[in-house]
Amino acid sequence: MTNEEVVRRYESFVVGSYRRDGVIFVRGKGSRLWDSDGKAYLDFFPGWAVSGLGHCPGPVVAAVRRQAGILMHVANNFYHPWQAELAERLSKLSFGGKVFFCNSGGEANEAALKLCRLAGRDRGRYKIISMENSFHGRTLATVTMTGQPVYSAPFAPLPEGFSYVPFNDFAALERAADEKTAAVFLELIQGEGGINVVDRGYLEKVVVFCRERGMLIAVDEVQTGFGRTGSLFAFQQFGFIPDIITLAKTMGGGFPVGAMVARADIADLMVPGTHASTFGGGPLACASSLAVLDMIEKKNLLARTRRTGAFLQRRLERLKKTFSCIVRVKGMGLMLGLELDRPGADLVTICRNNGLLINCTHQTIIRVMPAITVTRREINDGLAVLEKSIAEFMCKA
């Protein structure tokens, strides 16, 4: 099929709800992608962190192939061993909760919202406080909880019970809470919101406040989970235990998997009939996620992420000293951003033309989030392209 035929079929038969960049990718391995013309790219933003272990990681591919020949799907009114094993591992690796399986981050957050309302129902609590510039998904409820009107406004009227406060502003959160507030929902690092890291002092106040008021704390770990920040889950670096976490992205190593982990006593409120997911936690999904966990452990990827993340941050700081358009470097681990003093969409295009894939969010934040398997050599190669591209970007301006 020619490139023109691919594009024609998309335009004719695929809903146009995405902006597409005109590149047709046909193969991937590790931190590299190849397009239909054979051109290679370094991928420093692999699928919004879906390919967080790189493209087609060997152990995950082998696990999916093996499982596909044994058993692909089982309805969730039956047992199967792979879901049991994965649930136990996630529980023990997080905070001892119970797990609901689904297929995406949006579905995981939808499950968490329903559980928060179940937990508050007897006390008349149903309201959710989330953060401005947050992002939690595309379902009607999760896009409402997302603190960016650009995503939710087209779908008004929106579900009630949601309010938004500035990130890291405790006084604003304190004012927003009332006797009907069931939970506070937040990302510890806002990804789509611009790589904004939670302030530790703020988080400590939020935890105390929620515990005193009997409100739940739900943490969206869809992008930060599975090693992205240098620990398996980001909350483990902040010295507290949330009531709920939501997971997806890297969890499946490229295969669609999502999950909500909730404190056991509130998880038990989800009795039969309260929530479901036809494909959630199927044998293929669980096999892929178990392989991800094995790969992270066996290859010591958490320690590696801390080292390579520090190395990448130092290199980005060096770029900041070279180019006046870079205001600051921010983030943790391998979830980093360059804040520019001007819109960065053109820089993304220049980088892509030069063989490097990155992302721009909030108009001026360049996201640099390579796979946690990235090597120092690949970082050096990628930053050489980035440096060249910024020079072109500055000349263009």
Foldseek 3Di string as FASTA:
>chain_A
DDLVVVVVCCVVPNPPPDDDDSFAWDDWFFQWTATPVGDIFGEQCPPLQLLQRTPPPPLLVVLLVVLVVPFWFDFPVDDDVLLVVLQVVVCVQAPNFGKDKAFAQLVQVVVVLLLLCLVCVVQQARAEEEEALAARDQDLVRQVQHNDCVRNVVPPPGDDRYDYDHAQDQVRVVVPDDSRHAAYEYECFGQLSFRRHHDLVSVVVVVVVCVVSVHFYEYEQASVACQQQLGRGPVVVNPDHGQKYKYFRNQQSNGGMIMMTGHHVSVVSPDPPSDDHRGTSTPSSSSSNVSSVVCCVVVVLSNLLQVVQVVLQVLVVVLCVVDVQFPDWHHGRQWIKTFGPFFCPVLQVLLVVLRYHWDDHPRGIITRHTRSNDDPVSSVVSVVSSSVSVVVVVVVD
